[in-house]
Amino acid sequence: MAAPPPPRLRLRPKQRLKVRREFEQVRAGGERIVCGCLIANWLKLAPGLPSRLGVITSRKIGNAIVRSRARRLLRESFRLHQHELREAAAVVLIARNSIAGKKLPDVERDYLNALRRGGILKETNA
């Protein structure tokens, strides 16, 4: 019997948090973990809904180029691992100053460590 195809790793526009109110709901009513170059806030969503992501980058991180790169790295980390969440969640990732100059594997490691510590990643046998 063939294994089911892997889930598509897309980050659709409807999976993004865009409105200030949504960001505030996650930050006020959810949980928070600080890990390495990011701060992860999340709020569990109702079953059947897709996980959603919002990214915050402050001017303290650097100029527009550095902030844009930080946003891309955080979005990519979420995109690659969105199907590894135990249940649907609205996630707000806040970039810290230390993200400047980091590569994707470093940001991805911090992201996964934060989610593991928060207990929202599925358990893997590896």
N, C-alpha and C. Protein backbone atom coordinates (compact mmCIF):
# COMPACT_ATOMS: atom_id res chain seq x y z
N MET A 1 0.84 -1.17 0.00
CA MET A 1 0.00 0.00 0.00
C MET A 1 0.90 1.24 0.00
N ALA A 2 0.57 2.22 -0.82
CA ALA A 2 1.38 3.43 -0.93
C ALA A 2 1.08 4.38 0.23
N ALA A 3 2.11 5.08 0.65
CA ALA A 3 1.94 6.07 1.72
C ALA A 3 1.18 7.27 1.18
N PRO A 4 0.40 7.94 2.04
CA PRO A 4 -0.33 9.12 1.57
C PRO A 4 0.66 10.21 1.18
N PRO A 5 0.30 11.04 0.23
CA PRO A 5 1.21 12.11 -0.19
C PRO A 5 1.44 13.10 0.95
N PRO A 6 2.62 13.69 1.02
CA PRO A 6 2.89 14.65 2.09
C PRO A 6 2.01 15.90 1.91
N PRO A 7 1.69 16.57 3.01
CA PRO A 7 0.85 17.77 2.90
C PRO A 7 1.58 18.88 2.15
N ARG A 8 0.82 19.71 1.48
CA ARG A 8 1.41 20.83 0.73
C ARG A 8 1.92 21.87 1.72
N LEU A 9 3.07 22.39 1.43
CA LEU A 9 3.70 23.35 2.33
C LEU A 9 3.54 24.76 1.79
N ARG A 10 2.32 25.22 1.72
CA ARG A 10 2.06 26.57 1.24
C ARG A 10 1.63 27.44 2.41
N LEU A 11 1.87 28.72 2.27
CA LEU A 11 1.39 29.69 3.25
C LEU A 11 0.47 30.64 2.50
N ARG A 12 -0.79 30.33 2.55
CA ARG A 12 -1.79 31.11 1.80
C ARG A 12 -2.08 32.43 2.51
N PRO A 13 -2.58 33.41 1.77
CA PRO A 13 -2.91 34.69 2.38
C PRO A 13 -3.90 34.59 3.54
N LYS A 14 -4.84 33.64 3.46
CA LYS A 14 -5.83 33.50 4.55
C LYS A 14 -5.20 32.92 5.81
N GLN A 15 -3.96 32.44 5.72
CA GLN A 15 -3.27 31.90 6.88
C GLN A 15 -2.44 32.97 7.60
N ARG A 16 -2.52 34.19 7.16
CA ARG A 16 -1.75 35.25 7.79
C ARG A 16 -2.64 36.10 8.69
N LEU A 17 -2.08 36.49 9.82
CA LEU A 17 -2.74 37.46 10.69
C LEU A 17 -2.40 38.82 10.12
N LYS A 18 -3.41 39.67 9.90
CA LYS A 18 -3.16 40.95 9.25
C LYS A 18 -3.64 42.15 10.06
N VAL A 19 -4.63 41.94 10.91
CA VAL A 19 -5.26 43.04 11.62
C VAL A 19 -4.71 43.13 13.04
N ARG A 20 -4.50 44.34 13.50
CA ARG A 20 -3.95 44.57 14.83
C ARG A 20 -4.72 43.83 15.92
N ARG A 21 -6.03 43.78 15.80
CA ARG A 21 -6.88 43.10 16.78
C ARG A 21 -6.52 41.62 16.89
N GLU A 22 -6.23 40.97 15.76
CA GLU A 22 -5.85 39.55 15.77
C GLU A 22 -4.52 39.35 16.50
N PHE A 23 -3.57 40.22 16.24
CA PHE A 23 -2.27 40.14 16.92
C PHE A 23 -2.46 40.32 18.43
N GLU A 24 -3.28 41.28 18.82
CA GLU A 24 -3.50 41.55 20.23
C GLU A 24 -4.21 40.39 20.93
N GLN A 25 -5.15 39.74 20.24
CA GLN A 25 -5.83 38.59 20.82
C GLN A 25 -4.84 37.47 21.13
N VAL A 26 -3.94 37.20 20.20
CA VAL A 26 -2.96 36.13 20.40
C VAL A 26 -2.01 36.49 21.53
N ARG A 27 -1.53 37.72 21.52
CA ARG A 27 -0.56 38.13 22.54
C ARG A 27 -1.20 38.22 23.92
N ALA A 28 -2.47 38.63 24.00
CA ALA A 28 -3.12 38.80 25.30
C ALA A 28 -3.67 37.47 25.84
N GLY A 29 -4.26 36.66 24.98
CA GLY A 29 -4.93 35.46 25.45
C GLY A 29 -4.17 34.17 25.26
N GLY A 30 -3.01 34.23 24.62
CA GLY A 30 -2.26 33.02 24.33
C GLY A 30 -1.10 32.80 25.27
N GLU A 31 -0.23 31.89 24.86
CA GLU A 31 0.97 31.57 25.64
C GLU A 31 2.18 32.17 24.95
N ARG A 32 3.30 32.25 25.70
CA ARG A 32 4.48 32.95 25.20
C ARG A 32 5.74 32.22 25.62
N ILE A 33 6.68 32.11 24.69
CA ILE A 33 8.00 31.52 24.96
C ILE A 33 9.06 32.38 24.29
N VAL A 34 10.13 32.65 25.01
CA VAL A 34 11.28 33.36 24.44
C VAL A 34 12.36 32.32 24.18
N CYS A 35 12.84 32.26 22.96
CA CYS A 35 13.84 31.26 22.61
C CYS A 35 14.78 31.81 21.54
N GLY A 36 16.02 32.07 21.91
CA GLY A 36 17.02 32.51 20.94
C GLY A 36 16.66 33.83 20.29
N CYS A 37 16.52 33.80 18.96
CA CYS A 37 16.33 35.03 18.19
C CYS A 37 14.86 35.40 17.99
N LEU A 38 13.94 34.73 18.71
CA LEU A 38 12.53 35.05 18.51
C LEU A 38 11.73 34.87 19.80
N ILE A 39 10.56 35.48 19.78
CA ILE A 39 9.56 35.29 20.83
C ILE A 39 8.35 34.70 20.13
N ALA A 40 7.87 33.57 20.63
CA ALA A 40 6.71 32.90 20.03
C ALA A 40 5.50 33.06 20.94
N ASN A 41 4.43 33.58 20.39
CA ASN A 41 3.14 33.67 21.06
C ASN A 41 2.17 32.82 20.25
N TRP A 42 1.30 32.06 20.93
CA TRP A 42 0.32 31.28 20.19
C TRP A 42 -0.96 31.15 20.98
N LEU A 43 -2.02 30.93 20.22
CA LEU A 43 -3.36 30.76 20.78
C LEU A 43 -4.00 29.62 20.00
N LYS A 44 -4.48 28.60 20.70
CA LYS A 44 -5.09 27.46 20.02
C LYS A 44 -6.38 27.89 19.34
N LEU A 45 -6.61 27.33 18.15
CA LEU A 45 -7.80 27.63 17.36
C LEU A 45 -8.75 26.44 17.39
N ALA A 46 -9.96 26.67 16.94
CA ALA A 46 -10.96 25.60 16.87
C ALA A 46 -10.52 24.54 15.87
N PRO A 47 -10.85 23.28 16.12
CA PRO A 47 -10.50 22.21 15.17
C PRO A 47 -11.08 22.49 13.79
N GLY A 48 -10.32 22.12 12.77
CA GLY A 48 -10.77 22.31 11.40
C GLY A 48 -10.30 23.61 10.76
N LEU A 49 -9.86 24.55 11.56
CA LEU A 49 -9.33 25.80 11.02
C LEU A 49 -7.85 25.64 10.70
N PRO A 50 -7.34 26.36 9.69
CA PRO A 50 -5.91 26.28 9.40
C PRO A 50 -5.11 27.11 10.41
N SER A 51 -3.88 26.70 10.64
CA SER A 51 -2.99 27.50 11.50
C SER A 51 -2.70 28.82 10.81
N ARG A 52 -2.51 29.86 11.61
CA ARG A 52 -2.28 31.19 11.06
C ARG A 52 -1.01 31.78 11.65
N LEU A 53 -0.39 32.70 10.92
CA LEU A 53 0.88 33.28 11.33
C LEU A 53 0.86 34.79 11.20
N GLY A 54 1.45 35.44 12.19
CA GLY A 54 1.71 36.87 12.14
C GLY A 54 3.16 37.09 12.56
N VAL A 55 3.84 38.02 11.93
CA VAL A 55 5.25 38.29 12.23
C VAL A 55 5.40 39.76 12.57
N ILE A 56 6.16 40.03 13.64
CA ILE A 56 6.44 41.40 14.06
C ILE A 56 7.95 41.62 14.04
N THR A 57 8.36 42.67 13.36
CA THR A 57 9.78 43.06 13.36
C THR A 57 9.86 44.54 13.71
N SER A 58 10.63 44.86 14.70
CA SER A 58 10.78 46.23 15.17
C SER A 58 11.91 46.93 14.44
N ARG A 59 11.88 48.23 14.44
CA ARG A 59 12.97 49.00 13.84
C ARG A 59 14.27 48.85 14.60
N LYS A 60 14.19 48.36 15.83
CA LYS A 60 15.39 48.16 16.63
C LYS A 60 16.29 47.07 16.02
N ILE A 61 15.72 46.20 15.22
CA ILE A 61 16.48 45.10 14.61
C ILE A 61 17.47 45.63 13.58
N GLY A 62 17.04 46.61 12.81
CA GLY A 62 17.92 47.16 11.78
C GLY A 62 17.11 47.88 10.73
N ASN A 63 17.75 48.11 9.60
CA ASN A 63 17.08 48.84 8.53
C ASN A 63 16.04 47.95 7.83
N ALA A 64 15.40 48.48 6.80
CA ALA A 64 14.31 47.78 6.13
C ALA A 64 14.76 46.44 5.54
N ILE A 65 15.98 46.39 5.04
CA ILE A 65 16.49 45.16 4.44
C ILE A 65 16.62 44.07 5.50
N VAL A 66 17.16 44.41 6.65
CA VAL A 66 17.32 43.44 7.75
C VAL A 66 15.97 42.99 8.27
N ARG A 67 15.03 43.91 8.42
CA ARG A 67 13.69 43.55 8.91
C ARG A 67 12.96 42.65 7.93
N SER A 68 13.06 42.93 6.64
CA SER A 68 12.41 42.10 5.63
C SER A 68 13.00 40.69 5.62
N ARG A 69 14.31 40.59 5.74
CA ARG A 69 14.94 39.27 5.78
C ARG A 69 14.48 38.50 7.02
N ALA A 70 14.37 39.18 8.15
CA ALA A 70 13.91 38.53 9.38
C ALA A 70 12.49 38.00 9.19
N ARG A 71 11.61 38.80 8.57
CA ARG A 71 10.24 38.36 8.32
C ARG A 71 10.22 37.13 7.41
N ARG A 72 11.03 37.15 6.35
CA ARG A 72 11.08 36.01 5.43
C ARG A 72 11.56 34.75 6.13
N LEU A 73 12.58 34.87 6.98
CA LEU A 73 13.10 33.70 7.70
C LEU A 73 12.05 33.12 8.65
N LEU A 74 11.34 33.99 9.36
CA LEU A 74 10.32 33.51 10.31
C LEU A 74 9.14 32.88 9.57
N ARG A 75 8.71 33.48 8.46
CA ARG A 75 7.62 32.90 7.68
C ARG A 75 8.01 31.55 7.11
N GLU A 76 9.24 31.44 6.62
CA GLU A 76 9.70 30.18 6.04
C GLU A 76 9.77 29.08 7.10
N SER A 77 10.23 29.41 8.31
CA SER A 77 10.28 28.43 9.39
C SER A 77 8.87 27.91 9.70
N PHE A 78 7.90 28.81 9.77
CA PHE A 78 6.51 28.40 10.02
C PHE A 78 5.99 27.56 8.86
N ARG A 79 6.24 28.00 7.62
CA ARG A 79 5.72 27.31 6.43
C ARG A 79 6.20 25.85 6.38
N LEU A 80 7.48 25.65 6.66
CA LEU A 80 8.05 24.30 6.58
C LEU A 80 7.51 23.36 7.65
N HIS A 81 7.10 23.89 8.79
CA HIS A 81 6.70 23.05 9.91
C HIS A 81 5.25 23.25 10.35
N GLN A 82 4.42 23.88 9.53
CA GLN A 82 3.05 24.17 9.92
C GLN A 82 2.22 22.90 10.15
N HIS A 83 2.54 21.81 9.48
CA HIS A 83 1.76 20.58 9.64
C HIS A 83 2.26 19.73 10.80
N GLU A 84 3.29 20.19 11.49
CA GLU A 84 3.81 19.46 12.64
C GLU A 84 3.19 19.94 13.95
N LEU A 85 2.29 20.90 13.89
CA LEU A 85 1.62 21.38 15.10
C LEU A 85 0.57 20.36 15.54
N ARG A 86 0.45 20.17 16.85
CA ARG A 86 -0.54 19.22 17.40
C ARG A 86 -1.95 19.59 16.96
N GLU A 87 -2.26 20.87 17.05
CA GLU A 87 -3.58 21.36 16.66
C GLU A 87 -3.41 22.75 16.06
N ALA A 88 -4.46 23.20 15.39
CA ALA A 88 -4.39 24.51 14.75
C ALA A 88 -4.15 25.60 15.78
N ALA A 89 -3.30 26.55 15.40
CA ALA A 89 -2.97 27.64 16.32
C ALA A 89 -2.72 28.92 15.53
N ALA A 90 -3.02 30.03 16.17
CA ALA A 90 -2.63 31.33 15.63
C ALA A 90 -1.29 31.65 16.30
N VAL A 91 -0.25 31.84 15.49
CA VAL A 91 1.10 32.04 16.00
C VAL A 91 1.56 33.44 15.63
N VAL A 92 2.09 34.15 16.63
CA VAL A 92 2.72 35.45 16.38
C VAL A 92 4.19 35.31 16.75
N LEU A 93 5.06 35.53 15.78
CA LEU A 93 6.50 35.46 16.00
C LEU A 93 7.06 36.88 16.02
N ILE A 94 7.81 37.18 17.07
CA ILE A 94 8.42 38.50 17.21
C ILE A 94 9.92 38.32 17.09
N ALA A 95 10.52 38.99 16.13
CA ALA A 95 11.96 38.89 15.92
C ALA A 95 12.69 39.70 16.98
N ARG A 96 13.76 39.12 17.52
CA ARG A 96 14.61 39.82 18.48
C ARG A 96 15.85 40.34 17.75
N ASN A 97 16.59 41.23 18.39
CA ASN A 97 17.76 41.84 17.77
C ASN A 97 18.76 40.81 17.26
N SER A 98 18.87 39.68 17.94
CA SER A 98 19.87 38.67 17.59
C SER A 98 19.57 37.96 16.27
N ILE A 99 18.41 38.21 15.65
CA ILE A 99 18.10 37.55 14.38
C ILE A 99 18.92 38.13 13.23
N ALA A 100 19.40 39.34 13.38
CA ALA A 100 20.17 39.98 12.31
C ALA A 100 21.41 39.15 12.01
N GLY A 101 21.58 38.79 10.76
CA GLY A 101 22.75 38.03 10.34
C GLY A 101 22.62 36.52 10.47
N LYS A 102 21.50 36.03 11.00
CA LYS A 102 21.32 34.58 11.14
C LYS A 102 20.87 33.96 9.82
N LYS A 103 21.19 32.70 9.66
CA LYS A 103 20.77 31.92 8.50
C LYS A 103 19.51 31.13 8.84
N LEU A 104 18.85 30.60 7.82
CA LEU A 104 17.60 29.86 8.02
C LEU A 104 17.73 28.70 9.00
N PRO A 105 18.77 27.85 8.93
CA PRO A 105 18.84 26.74 9.90
C PRO A 105 18.88 27.21 11.36
N ASP A 106 19.53 28.34 11.62
CA ASP A 106 19.59 28.86 13.00
C ASP A 106 18.23 29.35 13.47
N VAL A 107 17.53 30.07 12.60
CA VAL A 107 16.19 30.58 12.95
C VAL A 107 15.22 29.41 13.10
N GLU A 108 15.32 28.44 12.20
CA GLU A 108 14.45 27.27 12.25
C GLU A 108 14.66 26.49 13.55
N ARG A 109 15.90 26.35 13.97
CA ARG A 109 16.22 25.64 15.23
C ARG A 109 15.58 26.35 16.42
N ASP A 110 15.71 27.68 16.47
CA ASP A 110 15.09 28.44 17.57
C ASP A 110 13.57 28.31 17.54
N TYR A 111 12.98 28.36 16.35
CA TYR A 111 11.53 28.23 16.19
C TYR A 111 11.05 26.87 16.71
N LEU A 112 11.71 25.81 16.28
CA LEU A 112 11.31 24.46 16.70
C LEU A 112 11.53 24.26 18.20
N ASN A 113 12.63 24.79 18.74
CA ASN A 113 12.86 24.69 20.19
C ASN A 113 11.76 25.39 20.98
N ALA A 114 11.34 26.55 20.50
CA ALA A 114 10.28 27.29 21.19
C ALA A 114 8.98 26.49 21.18
N LEU A 115 8.63 25.91 20.03
CA LEU A 115 7.38 25.14 19.95
C LEU A 115 7.46 23.86 20.76
N ARG A 116 8.62 23.22 20.79
CA ARG A 116 8.78 22.02 21.62
C ARG A 116 8.61 22.36 23.09
N ARG A 117 9.26 23.43 23.52
CA ARG A 117 9.16 23.85 24.92
C ARG A 117 7.72 24.21 25.28
N GLY A 118 6.99 24.75 24.31
CA GLY A 118 5.60 25.10 24.54
C GLY A 118 4.65 23.91 24.46
N GLY A 119 5.14 22.78 23.97
CA GLY A 119 4.33 21.57 23.89
C GLY A 119 3.30 21.58 22.78
N ILE A 120 3.52 22.34 21.72
CA ILE A 120 2.52 22.36 20.65
C ILE A 120 3.00 21.65 19.38
N LEU A 121 4.17 21.04 19.42
CA LEU A 121 4.64 20.24 18.29
C LEU A 121 4.24 18.78 18.50
N LYS A 122 3.92 18.10 17.39
CA LYS A 122 3.64 16.67 17.47
C LYS A 122 4.91 15.93 17.87
N GLU A 123 4.75 14.84 18.59
CA GLU A 123 5.90 14.02 18.97
C GLU A 123 6.36 13.24 17.76
N THR A 124 7.67 13.19 17.53
CA THR A 124 8.22 12.42 16.43
C THR A 124 9.04 11.26 17.01
N ASN A 125 9.14 10.21 16.24
CA ASN A 125 9.89 9.03 16.68
C ASN A 125 11.36 9.17 16.39
N ALA A 126 11.76 10.16 15.65
CA ALA A 126 13.18 10.33 15.29
C ALA A 126 13.96 10.92 16.42
